[in-house]
Amino acid sequence: MATKFVFLLLPHVHILDLAGPDQAIHEAIDFGADFEIEYCGNSASLFTTSGLPLGKVVHFSKIRMAQGDFLVIPGCSYQYLSSREFLQQIELFAWLRKLYQNGISLVSICMGAFVLAESGLLNDRQCTTHFKKTDALQKKYPALKVIENILYTDQDNIYTSAGIASGIDLALHLIEKLKGSHFAHLVARELVVFSRRKANDSQESEFLKFRNHIHSDIHAVQDFILENIDKKTTCRTWLILLP
């Protein structure tokens, strides 16, 4: 039986939170993985945060899943997650708890962690979200063990990831668990992912650290180092680069 990946699309979904993991699973299917993809939601019509209409998707209550399947919750706008409309989704939260009780793995991308938190499924568990919202997540749900500055968490068949592109990292992690490291490598290469990142990697790229300044000459030296990381350099090299 195929492993099913169901994406729960909430109002004002972040398009890359959806598209990144979705494409990774799709590429795995192209390589022969016995996966299926479905979509569901809690709204009659859907738009992304950028205004792109997504059309109608089936209501989550009509989705059928089995033990070993995955429900993926892409992030959506914080404004929606703070709204009375979201907080009144009692049926949705109960559905999530039932899925987990029935052996379904739950996966959140970015702000999707707030959905799992509101359902109570992250209580006393490690989790993460976008670095701009880790403090807000911890303050709003004090029973959580929010970890800052990592890409994703994996505990008790519940997975949470940081912002945007880290959803691809988490999707590759899931593919590796299901199909092995070589298979995940093939998918990563097909996605043209520059470097596969692990769970505890920093949310901030190593290549962007120490770039929070506007001195163009120092930028030139930093660029040279990255482009010639395999070569020996001297102080004379830096003097040549600088005007």
Protein backbone atom coordinates (compact mmCIF):
# COMPACT_ATOMS: atom_id res chain seq x y z
CA MET A 1 0.00 0.00 0.00
CA ALA A 2 1.29 3.45 -0.92
CA THR A 3 2.39 5.90 1.76
CA LYS A 4 0.09 8.90 1.60
CA PHE A 5 1.22 12.49 2.11
CA VAL A 6 -1.76 14.76 2.75
CA PHE A 7 -1.20 18.52 2.75
CA LEU A 8 -3.56 20.51 4.99
CA LEU A 9 -3.99 23.90 3.33
CA LEU A 10 -5.21 26.65 5.65
CA PRO A 11 -6.26 30.17 4.65
CA HIS A 12 -3.39 32.43 3.56
CA VAL A 13 -0.97 29.53 3.18
CA HIS A 14 2.67 30.38 2.46
CA ILE A 15 3.24 29.11 -1.06
CA LEU A 16 6.85 27.92 -0.61
CA ASP A 17 5.94 26.11 2.62
CA LEU A 18 3.58 24.10 0.44
CA ALA A 19 5.49 23.94 -2.83
CA GLY A 20 8.89 22.93 -1.42
CA PRO A 21 7.90 19.72 0.43
CA ASP A 22 5.24 18.96 -2.19
CA GLN A 23 7.82 19.05 -5.00
CA ALA A 24 10.24 16.89 -2.99
CA ILE A 25 7.58 14.20 -2.55
CA HIS A 26 6.58 14.52 -6.20
CA GLU A 27 10.18 14.01 -7.32
CA ALA A 28 10.41 10.95 -5.07
CA ILE A 29 7.35 9.53 -6.84
CA ASP A 30 9.04 10.18 -10.21
CA PHE A 31 12.00 8.12 -8.95
CA GLY A 32 9.66 5.25 -8.16
CA ALA A 33 8.69 5.80 -4.53
CA ASP A 34 5.31 4.31 -3.66
CA PHE A 35 3.92 7.61 -2.40
CA GLU A 36 0.62 9.40 -2.98
CA ILE A 37 -0.19 13.10 -2.54
CA GLU A 38 -3.56 14.55 -1.54
CA TYR A 39 -4.73 17.97 -0.41
CA CYS A 40 -7.39 19.11 2.01
CA GLY A 41 -8.45 22.23 3.84
CA ASN A 42 -10.97 23.84 6.16
CA SER A 43 -12.18 26.57 3.83
CA ALA A 44 -14.35 26.69 0.71
CA SER A 45 -11.73 28.67 -1.20
CA LEU A 46 -8.03 29.27 -0.70
CA PHE A 47 -5.53 32.01 -1.44
CA THR A 48 -1.84 32.11 -0.65
CA THR A 49 -0.35 35.00 1.30
CA SER A 50 0.76 36.47 -2.03
CA GLY A 51 -2.82 36.39 -3.32
CA LEU A 52 -2.52 33.39 -5.64
CA PRO A 53 -5.88 31.55 -5.78
CA LEU A 54 -5.64 27.80 -5.24
CA GLY A 55 -9.26 26.85 -5.89
CA LYS A 56 -11.32 24.38 -3.90
CA VAL A 57 -9.91 21.44 -1.96
CA VAL A 58 -11.83 18.74 -0.15
CA HIS A 59 -12.73 19.27 3.48
CA PHE A 60 -10.29 17.58 5.86
CA SER A 61 -13.09 15.47 7.34
CA LYS A 62 -13.42 13.58 4.04
CA ILE A 63 -9.76 12.48 3.98
CA ARG A 64 -8.96 8.85 4.71
CA MET A 65 -5.54 7.99 6.06
CA ALA A 66 -3.88 4.87 7.45
CA GLN A 67 -1.13 4.15 9.94
CA GLY A 68 2.21 5.20 8.47
CA ASP A 69 0.80 8.06 6.39
CA PHE A 70 1.87 11.68 6.84
CA LEU A 71 -0.17 14.84 7.32
CA VAL A 72 1.82 17.94 6.34
CA ILE A 73 0.75 21.37 7.59
CA PRO A 74 2.40 24.19 5.61
CA GLY A 75 2.63 27.52 7.36
CA CYS A 76 0.11 30.29 6.88
CA SER A 77 -0.15 33.91 7.95
CA TYR A 78 0.33 34.69 11.63
CA GLN A 79 -2.66 37.00 11.39
CA TYR A 80 -4.89 34.03 10.60
CA LEU A 81 -3.32 31.91 13.34
CA SER A 82 -4.11 34.69 15.82
CA SER A 83 -7.70 35.10 14.66
CA ARG A 84 -10.89 33.98 16.36
CA GLU A 85 -11.73 32.02 13.20
CA PHE A 86 -8.67 29.82 13.67
CA LEU A 87 -9.08 29.39 17.42
CA GLN A 88 -12.65 28.17 16.85
CA GLN A 89 -11.52 25.27 14.63
CA ILE A 90 -12.36 22.73 17.35
CA GLU A 91 -13.26 20.02 14.82
CA LEU A 92 -9.90 20.45 13.08
CA PHE A 93 -7.90 20.16 16.31
CA ALA A 94 -9.85 17.06 17.34
CA TRP A 95 -9.22 15.55 13.89
CA LEU A 96 -5.47 16.12 14.27
CA ARG A 97 -5.44 14.42 17.65
CA LYS A 98 -7.38 11.46 16.26
CA LEU A 99 -4.98 11.12 13.33
CA TYR A 100 -2.04 10.97 15.69
CA GLN A 101 -3.75 8.41 17.89
CA ASN A 102 -4.28 6.29 14.77
CA GLY A 103 -0.59 6.26 13.87
CA ILE A 104 -0.46 9.12 11.38
CA SER A 105 2.78 11.14 11.44
CA LEU A 106 2.26 14.89 11.73
CA VAL A 107 4.57 17.33 9.96
CA SER A 108 4.54 21.12 10.33
CA ILE A 109 6.36 23.58 8.12
CA CYS A 110 7.23 26.97 9.59
CA MET A 111 4.09 28.49 11.19
CA GLY A 112 2.30 25.16 10.94
CA ALA A 113 3.74 24.46 14.40
CA PHE A 114 1.12 26.83 15.81
CA VAL A 115 -1.60 24.52 14.47
CA LEU A 116 -0.11 21.49 16.19
CA ALA A 117 0.44 23.55 19.35
CA GLU A 118 -3.17 24.70 19.46
CA SER A 119 -4.26 21.07 19.14
CA GLY A 120 -2.18 20.20 22.22
CA LEU A 121 0.00 17.73 20.34
CA LEU A 122 3.25 19.59 21.00
CA ASN A 123 2.89 19.74 24.77
CA ASP A 124 6.11 18.57 26.45
CA ARG A 125 7.68 17.92 23.04
CA GLN A 126 10.58 19.54 21.26
CA CYS A 127 9.56 21.71 18.32
CA THR A 128 10.66 24.68 16.27
CA THR A 129 9.37 27.26 13.83
CA HIS A 130 10.65 30.29 11.92
CA PHE A 131 13.27 32.15 13.97
CA LYS A 132 11.10 35.27 14.03
CA LYS A 133 8.31 33.41 15.81
CA THR A 134 10.05 31.00 18.21
CA ASP A 135 9.59 33.42 21.11
CA ALA A 136 5.93 33.95 20.24
CA LEU A 137 5.35 30.19 20.01
CA GLN A 138 6.96 29.57 23.40
CA LYS A 139 5.10 32.41 25.13
CA LYS A 140 1.73 31.45 23.70
CA TYR A 141 2.18 27.75 24.49
CA PRO A 142 4.42 27.48 27.56
CA ALA A 143 4.07 23.67 27.73
CA LEU A 144 6.15 23.37 24.54
CA LYS A 145 9.91 22.84 24.40
CA VAL A 146 10.67 25.29 21.61
CA ILE A 147 14.19 24.98 20.25
CA GLU A 148 15.70 28.01 18.56
CA ASN A 149 17.98 28.12 15.54
CA ILE A 150 17.64 24.58 14.24
CA LEU A 151 16.12 23.41 10.97
CA TYR A 152 13.73 20.71 12.15
CA THR A 153 12.78 18.36 14.97
CA ASP A 154 11.87 14.68 14.89
CA GLN A 155 10.19 13.25 18.00
CA ASP A 156 7.48 10.62 18.47
CA ASN A 157 6.34 10.77 14.83
CA ILE A 158 5.79 14.51 15.06
CA TYR A 159 8.04 16.70 12.95
CA THR A 160 8.37 20.48 12.97
CA SER A 161 10.54 22.67 10.79
CA ALA A 162 11.79 26.23 10.64
CA GLY A 163 10.89 28.72 7.94
CA ILE A 164 10.30 28.34 4.23
CA ALA A 165 13.13 26.36 2.57
CA SER A 166 13.70 24.20 5.66
CA GLY A 167 10.51 22.42 4.63
CA ILE A 168 12.54 20.90 1.79
CA ASP A 169 15.19 19.75 4.28
CA LEU A 170 12.51 18.09 6.39
CA ALA A 171 10.88 16.48 3.36
CA LEU A 172 14.25 15.02 2.33
CA HIS A 173 14.69 13.74 5.89
CA LEU A 174 11.35 11.94 5.67
CA ILE A 175 12.23 10.51 2.27
CA GLU A 176 15.53 9.26 3.67
CA LYS A 177 13.76 7.55 6.58
CA LEU A 178 11.37 5.82 4.18
CA LYS A 179 13.62 5.09 1.19
CA GLY A 180 17.23 5.37 2.35
CA SER A 181 20.00 7.94 2.06
CA HIS A 182 20.95 7.27 -1.56
CA PHE A 183 17.36 7.69 -2.70
CA ALA A 184 17.09 10.97 -0.77
CA HIS A 185 20.34 12.09 -2.41
CA LEU A 186 18.84 11.48 -5.85
CA VAL A 187 15.80 13.58 -4.97
CA ALA A 188 17.95 16.37 -3.53
CA ARG A 189 20.06 16.43 -6.70
CA GLU A 190 16.92 16.56 -8.84
CA LEU A 191 15.72 19.54 -6.79
CA VAL A 192 19.09 21.23 -7.38
CA VAL A 193 19.56 21.61 -3.64
CA PHE A 194 23.01 23.09 -3.09
CA SER A 195 23.68 21.37 0.20
CA ARG A 196 21.58 18.91 2.18
CA ARG A 197 21.19 20.24 5.69
CA LYS A 198 20.65 18.28 8.88
CA ALA A 199 18.19 18.88 11.72
CA ASN A 200 20.56 20.72 14.06
CA ASP A 201 22.02 23.00 11.41
CA SER A 202 21.54 26.70 12.05
CA GLN A 203 18.56 28.43 10.46
CA GLU A 204 21.00 31.11 9.34
CA SER A 205 23.20 29.97 6.46
CA GLU A 206 26.87 29.64 7.30
CA PHE A 207 27.57 31.57 4.11
CA LEU A 208 25.49 34.53 5.28
CA LYS A 209 26.97 34.88 8.75
CA PHE A 210 29.06 37.98 9.42
CA ARG A 211 27.48 39.66 6.36
CA ASN A 212 25.26 41.99 8.37
CA HIS A 213 27.25 45.07 7.38
CA ILE A 214 27.41 47.35 4.33
CA HIS A 215 31.17 47.61 3.75
CA SER A 216 31.54 46.56 0.09
CA ASP A 217 35.31 46.04 0.34
CA ILE A 218 34.91 43.52 3.17
CA HIS A 219 32.17 41.84 1.13
CA ALA A 220 34.69 41.47 -1.72
CA VAL A 221 37.17 39.72 0.58
CA GLN A 222 34.46 37.44 1.98
CA ASP A 223 33.32 36.55 -1.55
CA PHE A 224 36.89 35.73 -2.54
CA ILE A 225 37.31 33.42 0.47
CA LEU A 226 34.14 31.49 -0.35
CA GLU A 227 35.05 31.18 -4.03
CA ASN A 228 38.60 30.06 -3.24
CA ILE A 229 38.06 28.09 -0.06
CA ASP A 230 40.45 25.35 -1.27
CA LYS A 231 43.36 27.72 -1.84
CA LYS A 232 45.97 29.10 0.50
CA THR A 233 45.81 32.86 0.91
CA THR A 234 48.02 35.47 2.55
CA CYS A 235 47.69 39.01 3.78
CA ARG A 236 49.08 40.09 0.41
CA THR A 237 45.98 38.59 -1.21
CA TRP A 238 43.71 40.81 0.86
CA LEU A 239 45.77 43.89 0.09
CA ILE A 240 45.41 43.22 -3.64
CA LEU A 241 41.65 42.89 -3.29
CA LEU A 242 41.20 46.05 -1.29
CA PRO A 243 41.45 49.43 -3.09
